[in-house]
Amino acid sequence: MSSSQTLNIPFIDYRKTDARKFLDTLREKLSPRGNIISEASREKTVEIFGQPLSPQEVVEKICLDVQQQGREAVFNYTRKIDGFELTDKNFRVSQLELDLAFKQTNPEFLKTVERIRDNILEFQKSVLVDDVVLQKCDGDAKVELRQRYLPLKRVGICVPGGAAAYPSTVLMTAVPAHAAGVKEIAVVVPPTQYGGFNAELLATCRTIGIEEVYRVGGAQGVASLAFGIEGLPKVDKIVGPGNLFVALAKRFVFGEVDIDSIAGPSEVVILADETATPAYLAADLISQAEHSPGSSLLITWYEPLIQRVQQELAQQLGELTRGELALKSLEEFGALILTESLEQAVQISEMLAPEHLQIATANPESILGQIQNAGAIFLGHHTPVAVGDYVAGPSHVLPTGGTARFANGLCSTDFLKRSAVISYNRQALRNVAEDVRTMAEKERLTGHSASVEIRLKNLK
């Protein structure tokens, strides 16, 4: 695009109008409702299934077929959707292929991978929780209560591979699992030049010790992990990003396995004051918009910033290889919002509950205390989202679509299975027997009470 091209990025003056309807509509467009697809996807659906199914219906069909037919269905859908013929030999990436990719990859890139792995591992190990033991003694009565944490045995990771290769996704999902102590990790990735046949991606897996990589993506990849098929045993939990079909498939199999979240397009909200640099803000808005789709919102109470950022956007978009895609996202899913005050800006951010929140102000720490709803928060003028996406340590797998009101970013603790362990001796049981009896009678579950009473009889 030309740097002089007019930008049609929505501008909202919150001082004059309530833009909640606009923001609600924007959020709806970005949510995985399963009813909005491109014309190309619609045509592909008709070609494969013979009728214009919704994405939700497509996903249900694929997942049920995989559950019932196993690997035959997986190979069949991969041929129809990805145009790739899977075989027994190429379905799983061999150790030889992993070793060869490692040898072919630039050593400097591998050193970068190792440094990032170490950053992630350091942080993710630091937030792990230890077992908790509570002992209570009252004369001869002894009670011990424990909260025990054990790593999940087997985890599946979805890695995208359509438009680009994403070794960072491997790092930001597998390394937290390793930190938790997960022994078995299976990666599924589409059979594309950016996925299962990408040397850097496979070398990243090899570098961090992943031995199971399968060339299958989309809903059929999710279903393979959830139900298990010949050559790919089922997992306990599925994590990792993907397109709408991957998100809907994860929602469909939840309950058969655990999942991290049902994620939508990437998003950022930036709170900025007069100390913010317009060039930085424009670059940060573009960095999320270039995901295409990606939502980028600037919220400021300093009016001159709006025009300056618009000027920077026009300049920078014309200089980037994905400038056209980023511009389309900014026009469809972005906005420049002017508020009356910092307080109103915070209210909007809290309502949106964004995946990424940048606080580009003179004193971001003073604002942090007012923030409840955000997947990850980036403080100050020199902390762009990119450092969180790639190198910092917290996982970049974060809640989107407003779910940061209740959901959390992926963390090593998400790979732990928590169990309560309870131990009472006879006297301790006697001390609580009356309370058990009272509750059991109230709920008409007298067998509960009887299971206590029988232990308190003076049996020889």
Protein backbone atom coordinates (compact mmCIF):
# COMPACT_ATOMS: atom_id res chain seq x y z
CA MET A 1 0.00 0.00 0.00
CA SER A 2 1.06 3.60 -0.45
CA SER A 3 2.10 5.52 2.65
CA SER A 4 -0.27 8.28 1.52
CA GLN A 5 -3.28 5.97 1.35
CA THR A 6 -6.24 6.99 3.51
CA LEU A 7 -6.81 4.78 6.52
CA ASN A 8 -10.36 3.80 7.42
CA ILE A 9 -9.60 2.67 10.96
CA PRO A 10 -12.61 3.43 13.19
CA PHE A 11 -12.25 6.44 15.48
CA ILE A 12 -14.51 6.60 18.52
CA ASP A 13 -14.88 9.67 20.70
CA TYR A 14 -16.12 8.16 23.94
CA ARG A 15 -16.58 11.66 25.35
CA LYS A 16 -19.53 12.23 23.02
CA THR A 17 -21.05 8.80 22.51
CA ASP A 18 -21.35 5.44 24.21
CA ALA A 19 -19.49 3.05 21.92
CA ARG A 20 -20.44 -0.08 23.82
CA LYS A 21 -22.51 -1.34 20.87
CA PHE A 22 -19.50 -1.01 18.56
CA LEU A 23 -17.27 -2.84 21.01
CA ASP A 24 -19.85 -5.58 21.61
CA THR A 25 -20.18 -6.09 17.86
CA LEU A 26 -16.41 -6.25 17.51
CA ARG A 27 -16.16 -8.84 20.28
CA GLU A 28 -18.89 -10.93 18.66
CA LYS A 29 -17.05 -10.93 15.33
CA LEU A 30 -13.93 -12.23 17.01
CA SER A 31 -15.59 -14.94 19.10
CA PRO A 32 -15.60 -18.62 18.01
CA ARG A 33 -19.36 -18.82 17.53
CA GLY A 34 -18.96 -21.12 14.57
CA ASN A 35 -21.21 -19.27 12.13
CA ILE A 36 -18.88 -16.94 10.22
CA ILE A 37 -16.59 -18.32 7.49
CA SER A 38 -15.07 -17.03 4.28
CA GLU A 39 -16.59 -17.80 0.89
CA ALA A 40 -13.56 -19.98 0.09
CA SER A 41 -14.15 -22.04 3.24
CA ARG A 42 -17.84 -22.34 2.39
CA GLU A 43 -17.02 -23.65 -1.08
CA LYS A 44 -14.50 -26.10 0.38
CA THR A 45 -17.11 -27.37 2.84
CA VAL A 46 -19.59 -28.05 0.03
CA GLU A 47 -16.87 -29.79 -1.97
CA ILE A 48 -15.98 -32.13 0.91
CA PHE A 49 -19.35 -32.73 2.55
CA GLY A 50 -21.76 -32.08 -0.30
CA GLN A 51 -23.65 -29.39 1.62
CA PRO A 52 -22.97 -25.95 3.19
CA LEU A 53 -22.40 -27.06 6.79
CA SER A 54 -21.52 -24.55 9.50
CA PRO A 55 -18.04 -24.79 11.02
CA GLN A 56 -19.58 -26.33 14.14
CA GLU A 57 -21.30 -29.01 12.05
CA VAL A 58 -18.09 -29.67 10.12
CA VAL A 59 -16.14 -30.14 13.33
CA GLU A 60 -18.72 -32.47 14.86
CA LYS A 61 -18.73 -34.60 11.70
CA ILE A 62 -14.94 -34.85 11.60
CA CYS A 63 -14.54 -35.60 15.30
CA LEU A 64 -17.24 -38.28 15.35
CA ASP A 65 -15.78 -39.93 12.24
CA VAL A 66 -12.33 -40.00 13.82
CA GLN A 67 -13.76 -41.41 17.04
CA GLN A 68 -15.57 -44.18 15.14
CA GLN A 69 -13.22 -44.90 12.24
CA GLY A 70 -9.82 -44.01 13.70
CA ARG A 71 -6.85 -43.50 11.48
CA GLU A 72 -8.80 -44.19 8.28
CA ALA A 73 -10.88 -41.07 8.90
CA VAL A 74 -7.81 -39.01 9.78
CA PHE A 75 -6.03 -39.97 6.56
CA ASN A 76 -9.20 -39.40 4.56
CA TYR A 77 -9.84 -35.88 5.90
CA THR A 78 -6.18 -34.93 5.55
CA ARG A 79 -6.35 -35.88 1.87
CA LYS A 80 -9.57 -33.92 1.30
CA ILE A 81 -8.76 -30.85 3.39
CA ASP A 82 -4.99 -30.51 3.13
CA GLY A 83 -4.49 -32.25 -0.20
CA PHE A 84 -1.86 -34.50 1.33
CA GLU A 85 -1.71 -38.29 1.22
CA LEU A 86 -0.79 -39.62 4.64
CA THR A 87 0.73 -43.09 4.90
CA ASP A 88 1.99 -45.31 7.68
CA LYS A 89 5.51 -44.08 6.89
CA ASN A 90 4.98 -40.31 6.82
CA PHE A 91 2.25 -39.88 9.47
CA ARG A 92 4.73 -39.67 12.33
CA VAL A 93 7.94 -37.73 11.88
CA SER A 94 10.76 -40.22 12.32
CA GLN A 95 13.69 -39.76 14.64
CA LEU A 96 15.90 -39.69 11.56
CA GLU A 97 13.90 -36.77 10.17
CA LEU A 98 14.14 -34.90 13.46
CA ASP A 99 17.90 -35.46 13.59
CA LEU A 100 18.31 -34.37 9.96
CA ALA A 101 16.27 -31.19 10.53
CA PHE A 102 18.44 -30.41 13.55
CA LYS A 103 21.63 -30.80 11.48
CA GLN A 104 20.28 -28.67 8.62
CA THR A 105 19.10 -25.78 10.78
CA ASN A 106 21.23 -22.68 11.35
CA PRO A 107 23.13 -23.14 14.65
CA GLU A 108 22.43 -19.51 15.58
CA PHE A 109 18.70 -20.15 15.38
CA LEU A 110 19.11 -23.21 17.60
CA LYS A 111 21.00 -21.12 20.13
CA THR A 112 18.09 -18.69 20.13
CA VAL A 113 15.73 -21.60 20.77
CA GLU A 114 17.89 -22.76 23.69
CA ARG A 115 17.98 -19.28 25.25
CA ILE A 116 14.22 -18.90 24.97
CA ARG A 117 13.70 -22.41 26.38
CA ASP A 118 15.85 -21.49 29.37
CA ASN A 119 13.87 -18.26 29.94
CA ILE A 120 10.58 -20.11 29.84
CA LEU A 121 11.82 -22.96 32.01
CA GLU A 122 13.15 -20.58 34.66
CA PHE A 123 9.85 -18.73 34.95
CA GLN A 124 7.58 -21.75 34.68
CA LYS A 125 9.47 -23.68 37.36
CA SER A 126 9.35 -20.67 39.66
CA VAL A 127 5.54 -20.62 39.67
CA LEU A 128 5.01 -24.32 40.36
CA VAL A 129 3.21 -25.19 43.57
CA ASP A 130 4.37 -27.68 46.20
CA ASP A 131 2.30 -30.24 48.05
CA VAL A 132 0.53 -28.81 51.09
CA VAL A 133 0.30 -30.79 54.34
CA LEU A 134 -1.95 -29.77 57.24
CA GLN A 135 -1.70 -31.82 60.44
CA LYS A 136 -4.09 -31.35 63.35
CA CYS A 137 -3.73 -33.05 66.73
CA ASP A 138 -6.16 -32.89 69.65
CA GLY A 139 -5.13 -35.37 72.31
CA ASP A 140 -5.33 -38.80 70.72
CA ALA A 141 -7.15 -37.47 67.68
CA LYS A 142 -4.93 -37.07 64.65
CA VAL A 143 -5.90 -35.67 61.24
CA GLU A 144 -3.68 -35.18 58.22
CA LEU A 145 -4.89 -33.32 55.14
CA ARG A 146 -2.79 -33.05 52.02
CA GLN A 147 -3.06 -31.43 48.63
CA ARG A 148 -0.96 -33.51 46.27
CA TYR A 149 0.23 -32.37 42.84
CA LEU A 150 1.39 -34.77 40.14
CA PRO A 151 2.16 -34.01 36.48
CA LEU A 152 -0.21 -35.21 33.81
CA LYS A 153 1.12 -38.31 32.09
CA ARG A 154 0.46 -37.38 28.47
CA VAL A 155 -0.23 -34.05 26.76
CA GLY A 156 -1.07 -33.11 23.17
CA ILE A 157 0.02 -29.86 21.55
CA CYS A 158 -1.57 -28.26 18.48
CA VAL A 159 0.85 -26.19 16.41
CA PRO A 160 -0.43 -24.15 13.43
CA GLY A 161 1.32 -24.45 10.09
CA GLY A 162 -0.77 -22.81 7.40
CA ALA A 163 0.56 -19.31 6.71
CA ALA A 164 3.88 -19.53 8.59
CA ALA A 165 5.99 -21.77 10.81
CA TYR A 166 5.55 -21.27 14.56
CA PRO A 167 8.44 -22.68 16.58
CA SER A 168 7.51 -20.20 19.33
CA THR A 169 4.25 -22.11 19.85
CA VAL A 170 6.22 -25.31 20.45
CA LEU A 171 8.33 -23.52 23.05
CA MET A 172 5.45 -21.73 24.78
CA THR A 173 3.42 -24.93 25.18
CA ALA A 174 5.90 -27.78 25.54
CA VAL A 175 8.37 -26.10 27.89
CA PRO A 176 5.75 -25.29 30.57
CA ALA A 177 4.67 -28.94 30.34
CA HIS A 178 8.28 -30.04 30.77
CA ALA A 179 8.64 -27.71 33.75
CA ALA A 180 5.66 -29.45 35.36
CA GLY A 181 7.24 -32.85 34.79
CA VAL A 182 5.08 -34.18 31.93
CA LYS A 183 6.90 -37.15 30.40
CA GLU A 184 4.94 -37.72 27.18
CA ILE A 185 4.24 -34.86 24.77
CA ALA A 186 2.69 -35.39 21.34
CA VAL A 187 2.76 -32.54 18.80
CA VAL A 188 0.30 -32.41 15.90
CA VAL A 189 1.04 -30.06 13.04
CA PRO A 190 -0.41 -29.80 9.50
CA PRO A 191 1.48 -31.63 6.72
CA THR A 192 2.68 -28.41 5.08
CA GLN A 193 5.93 -26.63 4.30
CA TYR A 194 5.33 -24.50 7.42
CA GLY A 195 4.23 -27.44 9.54
CA GLY A 196 5.28 -31.06 9.51
CA PHE A 197 7.86 -30.50 6.77
CA ASN A 198 9.44 -27.35 8.20
CA ALA A 199 13.06 -27.91 9.24
CA GLU A 200 13.17 -25.11 11.86
CA LEU A 201 9.98 -26.33 13.51
CA LEU A 202 11.17 -29.93 13.63
CA ALA A 203 14.60 -28.81 14.85
CA THR A 204 12.93 -26.88 17.66
CA CYS A 205 11.11 -30.03 18.72
CA ARG A 206 14.36 -31.99 18.60
CA THR A 207 16.22 -29.30 20.58
CA ILE A 208 13.80 -29.32 23.50
CA GLY A 209 13.41 -33.08 23.59
CA ILE A 210 10.10 -33.73 21.83
CA GLU A 211 10.14 -37.09 20.07
CA GLU A 212 6.49 -37.42 19.03
CA VAL A 213 5.51 -35.21 16.08
CA TYR A 214 2.58 -36.13 13.83
CA ARG A 215 1.67 -34.64 10.47
CA VAL A 216 -2.00 -33.96 11.04
CA GLY A 217 -3.74 -30.65 11.69
CA GLY A 218 -7.18 -29.11 12.02
CA ALA A 219 -10.12 -30.76 13.71
CA GLN A 220 -8.87 -34.21 12.73
CA GLY A 221 -5.63 -33.54 14.62
CA VAL A 222 -7.53 -32.50 17.74
CA ALA A 223 -9.77 -35.58 17.50
CA SER A 224 -6.74 -37.85 17.05
CA LEU A 225 -5.27 -36.57 20.29
CA ALA A 226 -8.55 -36.73 22.17
CA PHE A 227 -9.74 -40.19 21.15
CA GLY A 228 -6.48 -41.83 20.18
CA ILE A 229 -5.94 -43.63 16.88
CA GLU A 230 -3.62 -46.36 15.67
CA GLY A 231 -0.08 -45.08 16.12
CA LEU A 232 -1.10 -42.05 18.22
CA PRO A 233 -2.26 -42.87 21.77
CA LYS A 234 -4.83 -40.54 23.34
CA VAL A 235 -3.70 -37.75 25.62
CA ASP A 236 -4.98 -36.31 28.89
CA LYS A 237 -4.97 -32.67 27.83
CA ILE A 238 -4.79 -30.68 24.58
CA VAL A 239 -3.21 -27.23 24.42
CA GLY A 240 -2.14 -24.81 21.75
CA PRO A 241 -3.64 -22.31 19.30
CA GLY A 242 -5.28 -22.82 15.93
CA ASN A 243 -7.96 -21.59 13.56
CA LEU A 244 -11.71 -21.60 14.15
CA PHE A 245 -11.99 -25.31 13.34
CA VAL A 246 -9.29 -26.20 15.87
CA ALA A 247 -10.98 -24.05 18.54
CA LEU A 248 -14.37 -25.65 17.90
CA ALA A 249 -12.85 -29.13 17.89
CA LYS A 250 -11.22 -28.50 21.27
CA ARG A 251 -14.58 -27.41 22.60
CA PHE A 252 -16.21 -30.56 21.19
CA VAL A 253 -13.74 -32.99 22.79
CA PHE A 254 -13.62 -31.21 26.17
CA GLY A 255 -14.73 -33.74 28.74
CA GLU A 256 -13.06 -36.57 26.88
CA VAL A 257 -9.85 -34.69 27.62
CA ASP A 258 -8.99 -31.39 29.25
CA ILE A 259 -8.15 -28.35 27.12
CA ASP A 260 -6.39 -25.06 27.76
CA SER A 261 -8.96 -22.70 26.23
CA ILE A 262 -11.15 -22.00 23.21
CA ALA A 263 -9.09 -19.24 21.66
CA GLY A 264 -10.03 -16.78 18.97
CA PRO A 265 -7.97 -14.22 17.01
CA SER A 266 -5.13 -12.39 18.74
CA GLU A 267 -5.92 -9.04 20.33
CA VAL A 268 -4.30 -6.11 22.07
CA VAL A 269 -5.62 -3.10 23.99
CA ILE A 270 -3.15 -0.25 24.55
CA LEU A 271 -3.71 2.38 27.24
CA ALA A 272 -1.55 5.40 26.42
CA ASP A 273 -0.96 8.89 27.80
CA GLU A 274 0.96 11.93 26.57
CA THR A 275 4.32 10.28 27.33
CA ALA A 276 3.76 7.49 24.80
CA THR A 277 5.68 7.52 21.51
CA PRO A 278 3.28 7.46 18.52
CA ALA A 279 5.68 5.37 16.43
CA TYR A 280 5.82 2.72 19.16
CA LEU A 281 2.04 2.62 19.48
CA ALA A 282 1.53 2.26 15.74
CA ALA A 283 4.05 -0.57 15.60
CA ASP A 284 2.32 -2.33 18.49
CA LEU A 285 -1.11 -2.02 16.86
CA ILE A 286 0.27 -3.43 13.62
CA SER A 287 2.04 -6.31 15.37
CA GLN A 288 -1.30 -7.81 16.43
CA ALA A 289 -3.20 -6.79 13.29
CA GLU A 290 -0.72 -8.64 11.08
CA HIS A 291 -2.01 -11.94 12.47
CA SER A 292 -4.94 -11.19 10.15
CA PRO A 293 -7.35 -11.43 11.74
CA GLY A 294 -6.12 -9.64 14.81
CA SER A 295 -7.76 -6.95 16.92
CA SER A 296 -5.86 -3.81 17.88
CA LEU A 297 -7.37 -1.03 20.02
CA LEU A 298 -5.68 2.14 21.20
CA ILE A 299 -7.39 3.87 24.12
CA THR A 300 -6.10 7.29 25.16
CA TRP A 301 -7.32 10.35 27.04
CA TYR A 302 -4.70 12.55 25.30
CA GLU A 303 -6.38 13.76 22.09
CA PRO A 304 -3.28 14.77 20.04
CA LEU A 305 -2.09 11.15 20.18
CA ILE A 306 -4.88 9.96 17.87
CA GLN A 307 -3.78 11.90 14.79
CA ARG A 308 -0.10 11.23 15.41
CA VAL A 309 -0.69 7.50 15.62
CA GLN A 310 -2.79 7.61 12.44
CA GLN A 311 0.12 9.26 10.64
CA GLU A 312 2.55 6.64 11.92
CA LEU A 313 0.23 3.82 10.90
CA ALA A 314 0.03 5.11 7.34
CA GLN A 315 3.81 5.33 7.17
CA GLN A 316 4.63 1.99 8.77
CA LEU A 317 1.97 -0.05 6.99
CA GLY A 318 3.47 0.98 3.68
CA GLU A 319 6.85 -0.42 4.71
CA LEU A 320 5.81 -3.92 5.86
CA THR A 321 5.46 -7.08 3.84
CA ARG A 322 2.14 -7.88 5.56
CA GLY A 323 1.02 -4.26 5.53
CA GLU A 324 -2.08 -4.91 3.41
CA LEU A 325 -3.22 -7.74 5.68
CA ALA A 326 -2.57 -5.66 8.79
CA LEU A 327 -4.49 -2.72 7.34
CA LYS A 328 -7.49 -4.94 6.61
CA SER A 329 -7.47 -6.19 10.21
CA LEU A 330 -7.13 -2.67 11.60
CA GLU A 331 -10.07 -1.45 9.53
CA GLU A 332 -12.27 -4.44 10.38
CA PHE A 333 -11.20 -5.26 13.95
CA GLY A 334 -9.34 -2.18 15.18
CA ALA A 335 -10.19 1.22 16.63
CA LEU A 336 -8.67 4.41 17.99
CA ILE A 337 -10.66 5.42 21.08
CA LEU A 338 -10.58 8.79 22.84
CA THR A 339 -11.86 8.89 26.41
CA GLU A 340 -12.59 11.58 28.97
CA SER A 341 -10.10 10.21 31.47
CA LEU A 342 -7.79 7.42 32.52
CA GLU A 343 -10.62 6.04 34.66
CA GLN A 344 -12.91 5.69 31.65
CA ALA A 345 -10.12 4.07 29.65
CA VAL A 346 -9.61 1.49 32.38
CA GLN A 347 -13.36 0.81 32.47
CA ILE A 348 -13.36 0.05 28.73
CA SER A 349 -10.33 -2.21 29.06
CA GLU A 350 -11.94 -4.09 31.92
CA MET A 351 -15.08 -4.55 29.86
CA LEU A 352 -13.08 -5.90 26.92
CA ALA A 353 -10.89 -8.18 29.06
CA PRO A 354 -8.21 -8.36 26.35
CA GLU A 355 -5.71 -11.09 25.64
CA HIS A 356 -2.84 -8.56 25.72
CA LEU A 357 -2.97 -5.25 27.60
CA GLN A 358 -0.20 -2.70 27.15
CA ILE A 359 0.02 0.19 29.60
CA ALA A 360 2.11 2.81 27.84
CA THR A 361 2.04 5.59 30.42
CA ALA A 362 4.39 7.56 32.63
CA ASN A 363 3.60 5.41 35.67
CA PRO A 364 2.13 2.07 34.55
CA GLU A 365 2.45 0.50 37.99
CA SER A 366 -0.08 2.98 39.36
CA ILE A 367 -2.61 1.73 36.79
CA LEU A 368 -1.84 -1.96 37.23
CA GLY A 369 -3.68 -2.08 40.54
CA GLN A 370 -6.90 -1.08 38.75
CA ILE A 371 -6.68 -3.95 36.26
CA GLN A 372 -8.43 -7.26 36.88
CA ASN A 373 -9.21 -8.58 33.39
CA ALA A 374 -6.29 -9.27 31.05
CA GLY A 375 -4.47 -12.35 29.81
CA ALA A 376 -1.03 -10.75 29.98
CA ILE A 377 -0.06 -7.20 30.92
CA PHE A 378 2.89 -5.30 29.47
CA LEU A 379 4.17 -2.32 31.44
CA GLY A 380 5.96 0.76 30.15
CA HIS A 381 7.19 2.12 26.85
CA HIS A 382 9.76 -0.60 26.22
CA THR A 383 7.72 -3.76 26.75
CA PRO A 384 5.94 -4.62 23.49
CA VAL A 385 3.79 -7.74 23.22
CA ALA A 386 6.49 -9.29 21.05
CA VAL A 387 8.71 -9.95 24.09
CA GLY A 388 5.89 -11.91 25.66
CA ASP A 389 5.18 -13.74 22.41
CA TYR A 390 8.74 -14.89 22.03
CA VAL A 391 11.22 -14.60 24.85
CA ALA A 392 10.07 -13.47 28.30
CA GLY A 393 8.95 -16.70 29.98
CA PRO A 394 5.19 -16.63 30.61
CA SER A 395 3.37 -18.59 27.90
CA HIS A 396 1.93 -16.70 24.97
CA VAL A 397 -1.11 -19.02 24.94
CA LEU A 398 -3.64 -16.62 26.47
CA PRO A 399 -7.42 -16.21 26.83
CA THR A 400 -9.12 -14.22 24.06
CA GLY A 401 -12.58 -12.93 23.22
CA GLY A 402 -13.25 -11.44 26.64
CA THR A 403 -12.61 -14.72 28.47
CA ALA A 404 -9.78 -13.13 30.46
CA ARG A 405 -12.58 -12.20 32.89
CA PHE A 406 -12.37 -15.76 34.18
CA ALA A 407 -9.70 -17.66 32.22
CA ASN A 408 -5.92 -17.63 32.57
CA GLY A 409 -2.94 -17.93 30.31
CA LEU A 410 -1.31 -21.33 29.95
CA CYS A 411 1.10 -22.09 32.79
CA SER A 412 3.15 -24.99 34.14
CA THR A 413 0.56 -25.44 36.92
CA ASP A 414 -2.03 -26.28 34.24
CA PHE A 415 -0.17 -29.52 33.61
CA LEU A 416 -0.52 -30.68 37.22
CA LYS A 417 -3.20 -33.06 38.49
CA ARG A 418 -4.39 -32.04 41.93
CA SER A 419 -5.70 -34.57 44.48
CA ALA A 420 -6.77 -34.22 48.09
CA VAL A 421 -5.39 -36.84 50.50
CA ILE A 422 -7.27 -37.27 53.79
CA SER A 423 -6.28 -39.34 56.83
CA TYR A 424 -8.24 -39.63 60.16
CA ASN A 425 -7.48 -41.96 63.05
CA ARG A 426 -10.31 -43.54 65.09
CA GLN A 427 -10.47 -40.80 67.72
CA ALA A 428 -10.50 -38.08 65.11
CA LEU A 429 -13.35 -39.86 63.37
CA ARG A 430 -15.24 -40.08 66.68
CA ASN A 431 -14.82 -36.32 67.16
CA VAL A 432 -16.56 -35.48 63.87
CA ALA A 433 -19.14 -38.30 63.90
CA GLU A 434 -21.95 -36.11 65.20
CA ASP A 435 -21.41 -33.52 62.45
CA VAL A 436 -21.42 -36.25 59.80
CA ARG A 437 -24.62 -37.69 61.29
CA THR A 438 -26.34 -34.29 61.27
CA MET A 439 -25.54 -33.56 57.64
CA ALA A 440 -26.37 -37.11 56.50
CA GLU A 441 -29.79 -36.98 58.16
CA LYS A 442 -30.50 -33.56 56.67
CA GLU A 443 -29.72 -34.88 53.20
CA ARG A 444 -31.42 -38.26 53.80
CA LEU A 445 -28.20 -40.12 53.04
CA THR A 446 -28.19 -42.34 56.11
CA GLY A 447 -25.68 -44.69 54.52
CA HIS A 448 -23.11 -41.95 54.91
CA SER A 449 -23.75 -41.81 58.63
CA ALA A 450 -23.73 -45.61 58.90
CA SER A 451 -20.28 -45.78 57.27
CA VAL A 452 -18.97 -43.72 60.20
CA GLU A 453 -20.98 -45.42 62.96
CA ILE A 454 -19.82 -48.90 62.02
CA ARG A 455 -16.22 -47.85 62.58
CA LEU A 456 -16.97 -46.53 66.07
CA LYS A 457 -18.55 -49.70 67.42
CA ASN A 458 -16.49 -51.55 69.99
CA LEU A 459 -15.88 -54.53 67.77
CA LYS A 460 -13.42 -57.18 68.88
